N, C-alpha and C. Protein backbone atom coordinates (compact mmCIF):
# COMPACT_ATOMS: atom_id res chain seq x y z
N MET A 1 49.84 12.58 10.85
CA MET A 1 50.14 13.47 9.74
C MET A 1 49.07 14.56 9.60
N GLN A 2 47.81 14.18 9.73
CA GLN A 2 46.73 15.17 9.62
C GLN A 2 46.81 16.18 10.76
N GLU A 3 47.24 15.71 11.92
CA GLU A 3 47.39 16.62 13.07
C GLU A 3 48.42 17.71 12.76
N ILE A 4 49.51 17.32 12.11
CA ILE A 4 50.55 18.29 11.74
C ILE A 4 49.99 19.29 10.73
N LYS A 5 49.29 18.80 9.72
CA LYS A 5 48.71 19.69 8.71
C LYS A 5 47.72 20.67 9.34
N ASP A 6 46.91 20.16 10.27
CA ASP A 6 45.96 21.03 10.94
C ASP A 6 46.66 22.11 11.75
N ARG A 7 47.73 21.74 12.43
CA ARG A 7 48.48 22.71 13.22
C ARG A 7 49.15 23.74 12.31
N LEU A 8 49.74 23.28 11.21
CA LEU A 8 50.40 24.19 10.28
C LEU A 8 49.42 25.15 9.62
N GLU A 9 48.18 24.75 9.51
CA GLU A 9 47.15 25.61 8.93
C GLU A 9 46.96 26.88 9.76
N THR A 10 47.22 26.79 11.06
CA THR A 10 46.98 27.91 11.96
C THR A 10 48.22 28.77 12.20
N VAL A 11 49.38 28.31 11.77
CA VAL A 11 50.63 29.06 11.98
C VAL A 11 50.85 29.99 10.79
N ILE A 12 51.09 31.26 11.09
CA ILE A 12 51.28 32.26 10.03
C ILE A 12 52.74 32.72 10.02
N VAL A 13 53.34 32.72 8.84
CA VAL A 13 54.69 33.25 8.64
C VAL A 13 54.58 34.40 7.64
N THR A 14 55.57 35.29 7.66
CA THR A 14 55.52 36.44 6.76
C THR A 14 56.79 36.52 5.92
N GLY A 15 56.65 37.16 4.80
CA GLY A 15 57.77 37.49 3.93
C GLY A 15 57.61 38.94 3.52
N GLU A 16 58.71 39.68 3.53
CA GLU A 16 58.65 41.10 3.20
C GLU A 16 59.63 41.44 2.09
N SER A 17 59.23 42.41 1.28
CA SER A 17 60.18 42.97 0.32
C SER A 17 61.02 44.00 1.07
N GLU A 18 61.97 44.59 0.37
CA GLU A 18 62.81 45.60 1.00
C GLU A 18 61.94 46.71 1.57
N GLN A 19 62.31 47.15 2.76
CA GLN A 19 61.65 48.24 3.47
C GLN A 19 60.19 47.94 3.77
N GLY A 20 59.78 46.68 3.69
CA GLY A 20 58.42 46.29 4.04
C GLY A 20 57.34 46.88 3.16
N LYS A 21 57.70 47.23 1.93
CA LYS A 21 56.70 47.82 1.04
C LYS A 21 55.61 46.82 0.66
N VAL A 22 55.97 45.55 0.61
CA VAL A 22 54.99 44.49 0.37
C VAL A 22 55.23 43.41 1.42
N VAL A 23 54.13 42.98 2.05
CA VAL A 23 54.20 41.93 3.06
C VAL A 23 53.23 40.82 2.65
N ALA A 24 53.75 39.61 2.58
CA ALA A 24 52.91 38.46 2.26
C ALA A 24 52.86 37.56 3.49
N GLU A 25 51.67 37.05 3.80
CA GLU A 25 51.50 36.11 4.89
C GLU A 25 51.09 34.77 4.31
N ALA A 26 51.71 33.72 4.83
CA ALA A 26 51.38 32.36 4.41
C ALA A 26 51.18 31.52 5.67
N ASN A 27 50.42 30.43 5.52
CA ASN A 27 50.34 29.51 6.65
C ASN A 27 51.40 28.44 6.47
N GLY A 28 51.50 27.55 7.44
CA GLY A 28 52.52 26.52 7.40
C GLY A 28 52.31 25.47 6.33
N ASN A 29 51.18 25.52 5.65
CA ASN A 29 50.90 24.59 4.55
C ASN A 29 51.14 25.22 3.18
N ASN A 30 51.97 26.26 3.15
CA ASN A 30 52.34 26.93 1.90
C ASN A 30 51.17 27.57 1.16
N ARG A 31 50.23 28.11 1.90
CA ARG A 31 49.10 28.82 1.30
C ARG A 31 49.21 30.29 1.65
N ILE A 32 49.19 31.15 0.64
CA ILE A 32 49.23 32.58 0.88
C ILE A 32 47.90 33.00 1.48
N ARG A 33 47.98 33.68 2.62
CA ARG A 33 46.77 34.12 3.32
C ARG A 33 46.43 35.56 2.98
N SER A 34 47.46 36.40 2.82
CA SER A 34 47.19 37.80 2.49
C SER A 34 48.45 38.45 1.92
N ILE A 35 48.21 39.53 1.19
CA ILE A 35 49.29 40.36 0.67
C ILE A 35 48.92 41.81 0.99
N THR A 36 49.84 42.52 1.62
CA THR A 36 49.61 43.92 1.96
C THR A 36 50.62 44.76 1.19
N ILE A 37 50.11 45.76 0.48
CA ILE A 37 50.96 46.62 -0.34
C ILE A 37 50.89 48.04 0.23
N ASN A 38 52.04 48.60 0.53
CA ASN A 38 52.12 49.96 1.03
C ASN A 38 51.58 50.92 -0.02
N GLU A 39 50.78 51.87 0.42
CA GLU A 39 50.15 52.81 -0.52
C GLU A 39 51.14 53.62 -1.34
N SER A 40 52.35 53.78 -0.83
CA SER A 40 53.35 54.57 -1.57
C SER A 40 53.66 53.93 -2.92
N LEU A 41 53.52 52.62 -3.03
CA LEU A 41 53.79 51.95 -4.30
C LEU A 41 52.76 52.30 -5.36
N PHE A 42 51.55 52.61 -4.96
CA PHE A 42 50.53 52.98 -5.94
C PHE A 42 50.80 54.37 -6.52
N LYS A 43 51.46 55.20 -5.73
CA LYS A 43 51.77 56.56 -6.20
C LYS A 43 52.92 56.55 -7.19
N ILE A 44 53.82 55.58 -7.05
CA ILE A 44 54.97 55.49 -7.95
C ILE A 44 54.51 55.15 -9.36
N GLY A 45 53.58 54.22 -9.47
CA GLY A 45 53.05 53.85 -10.77
C GLY A 45 53.97 52.97 -11.59
N ASP A 46 55.01 52.40 -10.99
CA ASP A 46 55.94 51.53 -11.70
C ASP A 46 55.47 50.08 -11.57
N LYS A 47 54.76 49.63 -12.54
CA LYS A 47 54.17 48.29 -12.52
C LYS A 47 55.22 47.21 -12.31
N ASN A 48 56.35 47.32 -12.99
CA ASN A 48 57.40 46.30 -12.87
C ASN A 48 57.95 46.23 -11.45
N GLU A 49 58.16 47.38 -10.82
CA GLU A 49 58.67 47.38 -9.45
C GLU A 49 57.67 46.72 -8.50
N VAL A 50 56.41 47.05 -8.66
CA VAL A 50 55.37 46.47 -7.80
C VAL A 50 55.34 44.95 -7.98
N GLU A 51 55.39 44.50 -9.22
CA GLU A 51 55.37 43.05 -9.48
C GLU A 51 56.58 42.36 -8.86
N GLU A 52 57.75 42.98 -8.98
CA GLU A 52 58.96 42.40 -8.41
C GLU A 52 58.88 42.32 -6.88
N LEU A 53 58.37 43.37 -6.27
CA LEU A 53 58.27 43.39 -4.81
C LEU A 53 57.25 42.36 -4.31
N ILE A 54 56.15 42.21 -5.02
CA ILE A 54 55.17 41.19 -4.65
C ILE A 54 55.77 39.80 -4.78
N THR A 55 56.45 39.55 -5.87
CA THR A 55 57.09 38.25 -6.08
C THR A 55 58.09 37.96 -4.98
N LEU A 56 58.90 38.93 -4.64
CA LEU A 56 59.90 38.77 -3.59
C LEU A 56 59.25 38.44 -2.24
N ALA A 57 58.24 39.21 -1.87
CA ALA A 57 57.57 38.99 -0.58
C ALA A 57 56.90 37.61 -0.53
N VAL A 58 56.23 37.23 -1.60
CA VAL A 58 55.56 35.92 -1.64
C VAL A 58 56.59 34.80 -1.56
N ASN A 59 57.66 34.90 -2.30
CA ASN A 59 58.69 33.85 -2.25
C ASN A 59 59.30 33.74 -0.86
N ARG A 60 59.53 34.85 -0.20
CA ARG A 60 60.07 34.81 1.16
C ARG A 60 59.09 34.17 2.13
N ALA A 61 57.81 34.48 1.99
CA ALA A 61 56.80 33.87 2.86
C ALA A 61 56.74 32.36 2.62
N LEU A 62 56.78 31.94 1.38
CA LEU A 62 56.73 30.51 1.07
C LEU A 62 57.98 29.79 1.55
N GLU A 63 59.15 30.45 1.48
CA GLU A 63 60.38 29.86 2.00
C GLU A 63 60.28 29.66 3.51
N ALA A 64 59.73 30.65 4.21
CA ALA A 64 59.56 30.54 5.66
C ALA A 64 58.57 29.42 5.99
N SER A 65 57.53 29.31 5.20
CA SER A 65 56.54 28.25 5.40
C SER A 65 57.15 26.88 5.18
N GLU A 66 57.97 26.75 4.16
CA GLU A 66 58.63 25.48 3.86
C GLU A 66 59.57 25.07 4.99
N LYS A 67 60.32 26.03 5.53
CA LYS A 67 61.22 25.74 6.64
C LYS A 67 60.43 25.27 7.86
N LEU A 68 59.32 25.94 8.13
CA LEU A 68 58.47 25.55 9.25
C LEU A 68 57.94 24.13 9.06
N MET A 69 57.50 23.82 7.86
CA MET A 69 56.98 22.49 7.57
C MET A 69 58.07 21.43 7.77
N GLN A 70 59.28 21.71 7.32
CA GLN A 70 60.38 20.76 7.48
C GLN A 70 60.70 20.52 8.95
N ILE A 71 60.66 21.57 9.75
CA ILE A 71 60.90 21.43 11.19
C ILE A 71 59.82 20.57 11.83
N GLU A 72 58.58 20.83 11.48
CA GLU A 72 57.47 20.04 12.03
C GLU A 72 57.57 18.58 11.62
N MET A 73 57.90 18.32 10.37
CA MET A 73 58.01 16.94 9.89
C MET A 73 59.18 16.22 10.55
N ALA A 74 60.28 16.92 10.74
CA ALA A 74 61.43 16.31 11.41
C ALA A 74 61.08 15.96 12.85
N ALA A 75 60.38 16.85 13.52
CA ALA A 75 59.97 16.58 14.90
C ALA A 75 59.02 15.39 14.95
N ALA A 76 58.10 15.31 14.01
CA ALA A 76 57.15 14.19 13.97
C ALA A 76 57.87 12.88 13.67
N SER A 77 58.86 12.93 12.80
CA SER A 77 59.62 11.72 12.45
C SER A 77 60.37 11.19 13.66
N LYS A 78 60.90 12.08 14.47
CA LYS A 78 61.61 11.65 15.67
C LYS A 78 60.67 10.95 16.64
N ASP A 79 59.42 11.43 16.71
CA ASP A 79 58.44 10.81 17.60
C ASP A 79 58.00 9.44 17.08
N ILE A 80 57.92 9.30 15.76
CA ILE A 80 57.44 8.06 15.15
C ILE A 80 58.53 7.00 15.14
N LEU A 81 59.75 7.39 14.80
CA LEU A 81 60.85 6.44 14.66
C LEU A 81 62.05 6.85 15.53
N PRO A 82 61.88 6.94 16.83
CA PRO A 82 62.98 7.46 17.65
C PRO A 82 64.25 6.64 17.59
N GLY A 83 64.19 5.33 17.62
CA GLY A 83 65.38 4.50 17.59
C GLY A 83 66.05 4.49 16.23
N PHE A 84 65.27 4.53 15.19
CA PHE A 84 65.78 4.47 13.82
C PHE A 84 66.60 5.71 13.48
N LEU A 85 66.14 6.89 13.90
CA LEU A 85 66.82 8.14 13.55
C LEU A 85 68.07 8.38 14.35
N GLN A 86 68.24 7.69 15.45
CA GLN A 86 69.43 7.91 16.28
C GLN A 86 70.61 7.05 15.85
N LYS A 87 70.41 6.15 14.93
CA LYS A 87 71.50 5.26 14.50
C LYS A 87 72.40 5.96 13.53
């Protein structure tokens, strides 16, 4: 289990808002690593839009991270209990 967590720590997934104005990166352990905001959003000055785009990008990154974690766990389960899962 720790081996899987260690591996997921090094895998980076991304989530983007529309047109890539905000990009969030997360690792496979559901930790946000970075958020990049396109400079054009600072010129708009619409706080609500920026907040919505950040939320969208972060949620997409976390969804991708969760899917990755589920795939890794399913693969590990098959290795641990191969006969049990095939029944």
